[in-house]
Amino acid sequence: MALRKLSEVIPDGQRPASRRLELNVLKDSEIMDAATVIIPSELSASKRQSLRDGFVNDITEMSESGRTIIVTAVTLE
């Protein structure tokens, strides 16, 4: 799967409130790298920690590139 421009991935309802920010960050930006993790509640504490640590390591590696990074964490019931 080819990586797409960020503006194609983010739904219209999730656009930033600032039009200036959208133009500067989203309009012509291409996704260079991505990391996603789903940590189910039924996993053991050690497995949850392992998945979390792996995700943080991915973000750390991305930050070393000096590019803009967007990170979102969501919890569900």
N, C-alpha and C. Protein backbone atom coordinates (compact mmCIF):
# COMPACT_ATOMS: atom_id res chain seq x y z
N MET A 1 0.84 -1.18 0.00
CA MET A 1 0.00 0.00 0.00
C MET A 1 0.88 1.24 0.00
N ALA A 2 0.64 2.13 -0.93
CA ALA A 2 1.41 3.36 -1.02
C ALA A 2 0.96 4.34 0.06
N LEU A 3 1.91 5.08 0.60
CA LEU A 3 1.57 6.11 1.57
C LEU A 3 0.97 7.30 0.82
N ARG A 4 -0.06 7.90 1.43
CA ARG A 4 -0.78 8.99 0.77
C ARG A 4 -0.52 10.32 1.46
N LYS A 5 -0.97 11.39 0.83
CA LYS A 5 -0.89 12.70 1.45
C LYS A 5 -1.78 12.71 2.69
N LEU A 6 -1.33 13.37 3.73
CA LEU A 6 -2.06 13.40 4.99
C LEU A 6 -3.45 13.97 4.82
N SER A 7 -3.61 14.97 3.98
CA SER A 7 -4.93 15.58 3.78
C SER A 7 -5.94 14.61 3.19
N GLU A 8 -5.47 13.55 2.54
CA GLU A 8 -6.37 12.53 1.99
C GLU A 8 -6.81 11.54 3.06
N VAL A 9 -6.05 11.41 4.11
CA VAL A 9 -6.30 10.42 5.15
C VAL A 9 -7.22 10.96 6.24
N ILE A 10 -7.04 12.23 6.62
CA ILE A 10 -7.82 12.81 7.70
C ILE A 10 -9.20 13.22 7.18
N PRO A 11 -10.28 12.69 7.79
CA PRO A 11 -11.63 13.06 7.36
C PRO A 11 -11.89 14.55 7.53
N ASP A 12 -12.79 15.10 6.73
CA ASP A 12 -13.08 16.54 6.79
C ASP A 12 -13.44 17.00 8.19
N GLY A 13 -14.19 16.21 8.95
CA GLY A 13 -14.59 16.60 10.29
C GLY A 13 -13.44 16.66 11.28
N GLN A 14 -12.28 16.16 10.89
CA GLN A 14 -11.12 16.14 11.78
C GLN A 14 -10.06 17.16 11.40
N ARG A 15 -10.40 18.05 10.52
CA ARG A 15 -9.44 19.07 10.11
C ARG A 15 -9.18 20.03 11.27
N PRO A 16 -7.99 20.60 11.36
CA PRO A 16 -7.70 21.56 12.43
C PRO A 16 -8.59 22.80 12.31
N ALA A 17 -8.82 23.44 13.44
CA ALA A 17 -9.65 24.64 13.46
C ALA A 17 -8.97 25.79 12.70
N SER A 18 -7.67 25.79 12.70
CA SER A 18 -6.93 26.85 12.04
C SER A 18 -6.69 26.50 10.57
N ARG A 19 -7.24 27.30 9.69
CA ARG A 19 -7.03 27.08 8.25
C ARG A 19 -5.55 27.23 7.91
N ARG A 20 -4.87 28.14 8.60
CA ARG A 20 -3.45 28.36 8.36
C ARG A 20 -2.65 27.08 8.67
N LEU A 21 -2.98 26.43 9.80
CA LEU A 21 -2.30 25.20 10.16
C LEU A 21 -2.54 24.13 9.11
N GLU A 22 -3.78 24.03 8.64
CA GLU A 22 -4.09 23.03 7.61
C GLU A 22 -3.27 23.26 6.36
N LEU A 23 -3.17 24.49 5.92
CA LEU A 23 -2.41 24.78 4.70
C LEU A 23 -0.94 24.48 4.89
N ASN A 24 -0.41 24.80 6.05
CA ASN A 24 1.02 24.61 6.28
C ASN A 24 1.40 23.16 6.52
N VAL A 25 0.56 22.41 7.22
CA VAL A 25 0.94 21.06 7.63
C VAL A 25 0.30 19.98 6.77
N LEU A 26 -0.97 20.13 6.44
CA LEU A 26 -1.69 19.02 5.84
C LEU A 26 -1.75 19.03 4.32
N LYS A 27 -1.90 20.18 3.72
CA LYS A 27 -2.25 20.24 2.31
C LYS A 27 -1.32 19.44 1.40
N ASP A 28 -0.05 19.67 1.50
CA ASP A 28 0.88 19.01 0.58
C ASP A 28 1.80 18.02 1.27
N SER A 29 1.50 17.71 2.53
CA SER A 29 2.36 16.79 3.27
C SER A 29 2.08 15.35 2.87
N GLU A 30 3.14 14.60 2.71
CA GLU A 30 2.99 13.17 2.45
C GLU A 30 3.38 12.42 3.71
N ILE A 31 2.69 11.34 3.99
CA ILE A 31 3.02 10.53 5.15
C ILE A 31 4.30 9.77 4.84
N MET A 32 5.30 9.96 5.67
CA MET A 32 6.60 9.33 5.45
C MET A 32 6.75 8.04 6.25
N ASP A 33 6.05 7.95 7.37
CA ASP A 33 6.14 6.78 8.22
C ASP A 33 4.88 6.76 9.07
N ALA A 34 4.51 5.62 9.58
CA ALA A 34 3.30 5.52 10.41
C ALA A 34 3.44 4.37 11.39
N ALA A 35 2.79 4.52 12.54
CA ALA A 35 2.76 3.47 13.55
C ALA A 35 1.37 3.48 14.19
N THR A 36 0.81 2.31 14.34
CA THR A 36 -0.50 2.17 14.97
C THR A 36 -0.44 0.98 15.91
N VAL A 37 -1.09 1.10 17.04
CA VAL A 37 -1.18 -0.04 17.96
C VAL A 37 -2.56 -0.03 18.59
N ILE A 38 -3.15 -1.21 18.70
CA ILE A 38 -4.39 -1.39 19.44
C ILE A 38 -4.04 -2.30 20.61
N ILE A 39 -4.32 -1.82 21.82
CA ILE A 39 -3.98 -2.57 23.02
C ILE A 39 -5.28 -3.01 23.68
N PRO A 40 -5.73 -4.24 23.42
CA PRO A 40 -6.99 -4.72 23.99
C PRO A 40 -6.93 -4.84 25.52
N SER A 41 -8.05 -4.57 26.16
CA SER A 41 -8.10 -4.60 27.62
C SER A 41 -7.88 -6.00 28.19
N GLU A 42 -8.17 -7.02 27.41
CA GLU A 42 -8.05 -8.39 27.94
C GLU A 42 -6.62 -8.92 27.97
N LEU A 43 -5.67 -8.18 27.45
CA LEU A 43 -4.27 -8.63 27.49
C LEU A 43 -3.71 -8.48 28.90
N SER A 44 -2.69 -9.27 29.18
CA SER A 44 -2.01 -9.17 30.47
C SER A 44 -1.30 -7.81 30.58
N ALA A 45 -1.02 -7.41 31.79
CA ALA A 45 -0.34 -6.13 32.02
C ALA A 45 1.02 -6.10 31.32
N SER A 46 1.74 -7.22 31.34
CA SER A 46 3.06 -7.23 30.71
C SER A 46 2.96 -7.11 29.19
N LYS A 47 1.97 -7.76 28.58
CA LYS A 47 1.79 -7.65 27.13
C LYS A 47 1.35 -6.25 26.75
N ARG A 48 0.47 -5.65 27.55
CA ARG A 48 0.04 -4.26 27.31
C ARG A 48 1.24 -3.31 27.37
N GLN A 49 2.09 -3.52 28.37
CA GLN A 49 3.27 -2.68 28.52
C GLN A 49 4.22 -2.86 27.34
N SER A 50 4.37 -4.08 26.88
CA SER A 50 5.25 -4.37 25.75
C SER A 50 4.76 -3.66 24.48
N LEU A 51 3.46 -3.73 24.23
CA LEU A 51 2.88 -3.04 23.06
C LEU A 51 3.05 -1.53 23.18
N ARG A 52 2.80 -0.99 24.37
CA ARG A 52 2.95 0.45 24.60
C ARG A 52 4.39 0.88 24.37
N ASP A 53 5.33 0.13 24.93
CA ASP A 53 6.74 0.48 24.79
C ASP A 53 7.19 0.42 23.32
N GLY A 54 6.68 -0.56 22.57
CA GLY A 54 7.01 -0.64 21.16
C GLY A 54 6.51 0.57 20.38
N PHE A 55 5.30 1.01 20.74
CA PHE A 55 4.72 2.19 20.08
C PHE A 55 5.54 3.44 20.40
N VAL A 56 5.92 3.59 21.66
CA VAL A 56 6.74 4.74 22.06
C VAL A 56 8.09 4.69 21.35
N ASN A 57 8.66 3.52 21.20
CA ASN A 57 9.93 3.40 20.47
C ASN A 57 9.78 3.82 19.01
N ASP A 58 8.65 3.44 18.38
CA ASP A 58 8.40 3.86 17.00
C ASP A 58 8.33 5.38 16.90
N ILE A 59 7.63 6.01 17.83
CA ILE A 59 7.51 7.47 17.83
C ILE A 59 8.88 8.11 18.07
N THR A 60 9.66 7.53 18.95
CA THR A 60 11.00 8.06 19.23
C THR A 60 11.86 8.04 17.96
N GLU A 61 11.81 6.93 17.22
CA GLU A 61 12.57 6.84 15.98
C GLU A 61 12.09 7.88 14.96
N MET A 62 10.78 8.07 14.88
CA MET A 62 10.24 9.07 13.96
C MET A 62 10.71 10.47 14.34
N SER A 63 10.78 10.75 15.63
CA SER A 63 11.16 12.10 16.07
C SER A 63 12.60 12.42 15.71
N GLU A 64 13.42 11.41 15.57
CA GLU A 64 14.82 11.62 15.22
C GLU A 64 14.99 12.13 13.79
N SER A 65 13.95 11.95 12.95
CA SER A 65 14.04 12.42 11.57
C SER A 65 13.89 13.93 11.46
N GLY A 66 13.36 14.57 12.52
CA GLY A 66 13.18 16.01 12.51
C GLY A 66 11.92 16.46 11.79
N ARG A 67 11.09 15.54 11.33
CA ARG A 67 9.85 15.89 10.64
C ARG A 67 8.73 16.13 11.65
N THR A 68 7.61 16.68 11.15
CA THR A 68 6.43 16.88 11.98
C THR A 68 5.82 15.53 12.34
N ILE A 69 5.42 15.38 13.60
CA ILE A 69 4.81 14.14 14.06
C ILE A 69 3.46 14.46 14.66
N ILE A 70 2.45 13.68 14.29
CA ILE A 70 1.10 13.80 14.87
C ILE A 70 0.84 12.49 15.61
N VAL A 71 0.53 12.58 16.90
CA VAL A 71 0.26 11.39 17.70
C VAL A 71 -1.10 11.56 18.35
N THR A 72 -1.93 10.53 18.26
CA THR A 72 -3.25 10.54 18.88
C THR A 72 -3.42 9.25 19.67
N ALA A 73 -3.90 9.38 20.89
CA ALA A 73 -4.20 8.21 21.70
C ALA A 73 -5.68 8.31 22.11
N VAL A 74 -6.39 7.20 22.00
CA VAL A 74 -7.81 7.17 22.30
C VAL A 74 -8.09 5.95 23.18
N THR A 75 -8.91 6.13 24.21
CA THR A 75 -9.32 4.99 25.01
C THR A 75 -10.80 4.72 24.76
N LEU A 76 -11.17 3.47 24.78
CA LEU A 76 -12.56 3.06 24.57
C LEU A 76 -13.03 2.30 25.79
N GLU A 77 -14.33 2.30 25.99
CA GLU A 77 -14.89 1.52 27.09
C GLU A 77 -14.87 0.05 26.75
